[in-house]
Amino acid sequence: MTYCCEQMKGQVEHSCDLHPDLSNCPDSLVVHINRTGEFGLRVHDGGSSFIAIRHCPWCGADLESDGAPRSASIFLLWHVHRFDDHEDEKLIGVYSSDQDARDAQQRLGNQPGFREHPDGFEISAYTVGKDH
């Protein structure tokens, strides 16, 4: 299965040694129903309740019924260096997935100008065709 971002992948593939029934696991936040392709936020009420979602809670990607993200989201990688009186913002690139943006951040993290300010990286998700 293709996931829109690493956070969604981690949630859908989550397993827990302490809670074989994930509806009892406080760390299990997302449920995926294989037969329908539906995603939901788990309601920890002692049962199997969930609230259906159409967008990823982490990156905002629109989720299709097969679980794959629609190609309607883009991810901008920025590096921001904050000074006392201003900010120096650099747009590093525009990527089709959160993971691609994180990979670029990893590649650049040890380069001069970036390694001195490793906390300056920011990834912003945008849906194509919408006002922001």
C-alpha atoms as a PDB file:
ATOM      1  CA  MET A   1       0.000   0.000   0.000  1.00  0.00           C
ATOM      2  CA  THR A   2       1.145   3.553  -0.721  1.00  0.00           C
ATOM      3  CA  TYR A   3       0.903   6.082   2.090  1.00  0.00           C
ATOM      4  CA  CYS A   4       0.745   9.852   1.925  1.00  0.00           C
ATOM      5  CA  CYS A   5       3.334  10.331   4.694  1.00  0.00           C
ATOM      6  CA  GLU A   6       5.425   8.416   7.219  1.00  0.00           C
ATOM      7  CA  GLN A   7       3.103   9.309  10.101  1.00  0.00           C
ATOM      8  CA  MET A   8       0.112   7.724   8.343  1.00  0.00           C
ATOM      9  CA  LYS A   9       2.163   4.663   7.414  1.00  0.00           C
ATOM     10  CA  GLY A  10       3.303   4.274  11.021  1.00  0.00           C
ATOM     11  CA  GLN A  11      -0.267   4.462  12.290  1.00  0.00           C
ATOM     12  CA  VAL A  12      -1.785   2.072   9.754  1.00  0.00           C
ATOM     13  CA  GLU A  13       1.026  -0.456  10.283  1.00  0.00           C
ATOM     14  CA  HIS A  14       1.103   0.026  14.091  1.00  0.00           C
ATOM     15  CA  SER A  15       1.311  -3.088  16.247  1.00  0.00           C
ATOM     16  CA  CYS A  16       1.501  -3.404  20.017  1.00  0.00           C
ATOM     17  CA  ASP A  17       2.796  -6.256  22.170  1.00  0.00           C
ATOM     18  CA  LEU A  18       0.769  -5.045  25.167  1.00  0.00           C
ATOM     19  CA  HIS A  19      -2.525  -4.666  23.263  1.00  0.00           C
ATOM     20  CA  PRO A  20      -3.153  -7.371  20.638  1.00  0.00           C
ATOM     21  CA  ASP A  21      -6.566  -5.740  20.043  1.00  0.00           C
ATOM     22  CA  LEU A  22      -5.527  -2.294  18.774  1.00  0.00           C
ATOM     23  CA  SER A  23      -8.858  -0.785  19.802  1.00  0.00           C
ATOM     24  CA  ASN A  24      -7.465  -1.027  23.363  1.00  0.00           C
ATOM     25  CA  CYS A  25      -4.078   0.521  22.522  1.00  0.00           C
ATOM     26  CA  PRO A  26      -3.822   4.235  23.388  1.00  0.00           C
ATOM     27  CA  ASP A  27      -1.050   4.643  20.774  1.00  0.00           C
ATOM     28  CA  SER A  28      -3.254   3.368  17.927  1.00  0.00           C
ATOM     29  CA  LEU A  29      -4.949   6.455  16.509  1.00  0.00           C
ATOM     30  CA  VAL A  30      -5.906   5.455  12.951  1.00  0.00           C
ATOM     31  CA  VAL A  31      -7.953   2.508  11.756  1.00  0.00           C
ATOM     32  CA  HIS A  32      -7.965   1.285   8.140  1.00  0.00           C
ATOM     33  CA  ILE A  33     -10.778  -0.985   6.942  1.00  0.00           C
ATOM     34  CA  ASN A  34      -9.256  -3.139   4.214  1.00  0.00           C
ATOM     35  CA  ARG A  35     -12.521  -4.269   2.611  1.00  0.00           C
ATOM     36  CA  THR A  36     -13.787  -0.703   2.075  1.00  0.00           C
ATOM     37  CA  GLY A  37     -10.498   1.227   1.981  1.00  0.00           C
ATOM     38  CA  GLU A  38     -11.913   3.586   4.595  1.00  0.00           C
ATOM     39  CA  PHE A  39      -9.698   5.403   7.113  1.00  0.00           C
ATOM     40  CA  GLY A  40     -10.811   6.667  10.496  1.00  0.00           C
ATOM     41  CA  LEU A  41      -9.699   8.109  13.804  1.00  0.00           C
ATOM     42  CA  ARG A  42     -10.129   5.497  16.493  1.00  0.00           C
ATOM     43  CA  VAL A  43     -12.568   6.299  19.330  1.00  0.00           C
ATOM     44  CA  HIS A  44     -11.151   4.721  22.484  1.00  0.00           C
ATOM     45  CA  ASP A  45     -14.506   3.865  24.038  1.00  0.00           C
ATOM     46  CA  GLY A  46     -13.893   0.179  24.682  1.00  0.00           C
ATOM     47  CA  GLY A  47     -15.347  -0.850  21.318  1.00  0.00           C
ATOM     48  CA  SER A  48     -14.358  -0.651  17.680  1.00  0.00           C
ATOM     49  CA  SER A  49     -15.829   2.796  16.976  1.00  0.00           C
ATOM     50  CA  PHE A  50     -14.063   5.238  14.693  1.00  0.00           C
ATOM     51  CA  ILE A  51     -14.739   8.543  12.977  1.00  0.00           C
ATOM     52  CA  ALA A  52     -14.262   8.317   9.205  1.00  0.00           C
ATOM     53  CA  ILE A  53     -11.733  10.729   7.696  1.00  0.00           C
ATOM     54  CA  ARG A  54     -11.082  11.803   4.090  1.00  0.00           C
ATOM     55  CA  HIS A  55      -7.820  13.655   4.740  1.00  0.00           C
ATOM     56  CA  CYS A  56      -4.632  12.649   6.492  1.00  0.00           C
ATOM     57  CA  PRO A  57      -4.457  14.303   9.935  1.00  0.00           C
ATOM     58  CA  TRP A  58      -0.691  14.865   9.555  1.00  0.00           C
ATOM     59  CA  CYS A  59      -0.074  16.027   5.991  1.00  0.00           C
ATOM     60  CA  GLY A  60      -3.588  16.875   4.806  1.00  0.00           C
ATOM     61  CA  ALA A  61      -3.493  14.542   1.795  1.00  0.00           C
ATOM     62  CA  ASP A  62      -6.860  13.598   0.313  1.00  0.00           C
ATOM     63  CA  LEU A  63      -7.328   9.838   0.824  1.00  0.00           C
ATOM     64  CA  GLU A  64      -8.913   7.767  -1.941  1.00  0.00           C
ATOM     65  CA  SER A  65     -10.905   4.631  -1.218  1.00  0.00           C
ATOM     66  CA  ASP A  66      -7.863   2.447  -1.969  1.00  0.00           C
ATOM     67  CA  GLY A  67      -5.806   4.301   0.627  1.00  0.00           C
ATOM     68  CA  ALA A  68      -3.453   5.933  -1.834  1.00  0.00           C
ATOM     69  CA  PRO A  69      -3.089   9.676  -1.645  1.00  0.00           C
ATOM     70  CA  ARG A  70      -4.441  11.697  -4.524  1.00  0.00           C
ATOM     71  CA  SER A  71      -1.807  13.646  -6.368  1.00  0.00           C
ATOM     72  CA  ALA A  72      -3.432  16.872  -5.201  1.00  0.00           C
ATOM     73  CA  SER A  73      -0.964  17.669  -2.434  1.00  0.00           C
ATOM     74  CA  ILE A  74       2.468  19.210  -2.719  1.00  0.00           C
ATOM     75  CA  PHE A  75       5.094  19.599  -0.038  1.00  0.00           C
ATOM     76  CA  LEU A  76       7.368  22.635   0.219  1.00  0.00           C
ATOM     77  CA  LEU A  77      10.676  22.335   2.042  1.00  0.00           C
ATOM     78  CA  TRP A  78      11.916  25.610   3.535  1.00  0.00           C
ATOM     79  CA  HIS A  79      14.946  26.561   5.548  1.00  0.00           C
ATOM     80  CA  VAL A  80      14.415  29.535   7.852  1.00  0.00           C
ATOM     81  CA  HIS A  81      17.266  31.271   9.662  1.00  0.00           C
ATOM     82  CA  ARG A  82      15.900  33.602  12.322  1.00  0.00           C
ATOM     83  CA  PHE A  83      17.811  36.699  13.398  1.00  0.00           C
ATOM     84  CA  ASP A  84      16.871  39.245  16.071  1.00  0.00           C
ATOM     85  CA  ASP A  85      15.451  41.690  13.535  1.00  0.00           C
ATOM     86  CA  HIS A  86      14.493  39.534  10.511  1.00  0.00           C
ATOM     87  CA  GLU A  87      14.218  36.066   8.983  1.00  0.00           C
ATOM     88  CA  ASP A  88      16.117  34.639   6.024  1.00  0.00           C
ATOM     89  CA  GLU A  89      13.797  32.168   4.255  1.00  0.00           C
ATOM     90  CA  LYS A  90      14.954  29.855   1.480  1.00  0.00           C
ATOM     91  CA  LEU A  91      12.600  27.687  -0.527  1.00  0.00           C
ATOM     92  CA  ILE A  92      14.578  24.471  -0.989  1.00  0.00           C
ATOM     93  CA  GLY A  93      12.116  22.621  -3.218  1.00  0.00           C
ATOM     94  CA  VAL A  94       8.614  21.425  -4.026  1.00  0.00           C
ATOM     95  CA  TYR A  95       7.937  17.684  -3.676  1.00  0.00           C
ATOM     96  CA  SER A  96       5.111  15.265  -4.409  1.00  0.00           C
ATOM     97  CA  SER A  97       5.288  13.566  -1.003  1.00  0.00           C
ATOM     98  CA  ASP A  98       6.188  14.334   2.581  1.00  0.00           C
ATOM     99  CA  GLN A  99       8.837  11.609   2.420  1.00  0.00           C
ATOM    100  CA  ASP A 100      10.510  13.164  -0.638  1.00  0.00           C
ATOM    101  CA  ALA A 101      10.736  16.489   1.232  1.00  0.00           C
ATOM    102  CA  ARG A 102      12.203  14.738   4.293  1.00  0.00           C
ATOM    103  CA  ASP A 103      14.733  12.942   2.074  1.00  0.00           C
ATOM    104  CA  ALA A 104      15.839  16.305   0.642  1.00  0.00           C
ATOM    105  CA  GLN A 105      16.161  17.688   4.174  1.00  0.00           C
ATOM    106  CA  GLN A 106      18.351  14.717   5.080  1.00  0.00           C
ATOM    107  CA  ARG A 107      20.552  15.244   2.006  1.00  0.00           C
ATOM    108  CA  LEU A 108      21.052  18.948   2.783  1.00  0.00           C
ATOM    109  CA  GLY A 109      21.326  18.746   6.565  1.00  0.00           C
ATOM    110  CA  ASN A 110      25.127  18.428   6.605  1.00  0.00           C
ATOM    111  CA  GLN A 111      25.773  21.081   3.964  1.00  0.00           C
ATOM    112  CA  PRO A 112      27.317  24.465   4.887  1.00  0.00           C
ATOM    113  CA  GLY A 113      24.679  27.002   5.842  1.00  0.00           C
ATOM    114  CA  PHE A 114      22.242  24.283   6.888  1.00  0.00           C
ATOM    115  CA  ARG A 115      24.274  22.265   9.382  1.00  0.00           C
ATOM    116  CA  GLU A 116      24.760  25.359  11.551  1.00  0.00           C
ATOM    117  CA  HIS A 117      20.954  25.688  11.852  1.00  0.00           C
ATOM    118  CA  PRO A 118      19.503  22.140  11.730  1.00  0.00           C
ATOM    119  CA  ASP A 119      16.213  23.246  13.351  1.00  0.00           C
ATOM    120  CA  GLY A 120      15.521  25.705  10.533  1.00  0.00           C
ATOM    121  CA  PHE A 121      13.893  23.168   8.198  1.00  0.00           C
ATOM    122  CA  GLU A 122      10.124  23.354   7.750  1.00  0.00           C
ATOM    123  CA  ILE A 123       7.830  21.281   5.536  1.00  0.00           C
ATOM    124  CA  SER A 124       4.478  22.762   4.497  1.00  0.00           C
ATOM    125  CA  ALA A 125       1.737  20.721   2.812  1.00  0.00           C
ATOM    126  CA  TYR A 126      -0.602  22.370   0.315  1.00  0.00           C
ATOM    127  CA  THR A 127      -3.550  21.021  -1.644  1.00  0.00           C
ATOM    128  CA  VAL A 128      -3.364  21.941  -5.325  1.00  0.00           C
ATOM    129  CA  GLY A 129      -6.319  23.915  -6.623  1.00  0.00           C
ATOM    130  CA  LYS A 130      -7.320  25.424  -3.263  1.00  0.00           C
ATOM    131  CA  ASP A 131      -6.890  28.911  -1.853  1.00  0.00           C
ATOM    132  CA  HIS A 132      -4.525  29.024   1.103  1.00  0.00           C
END
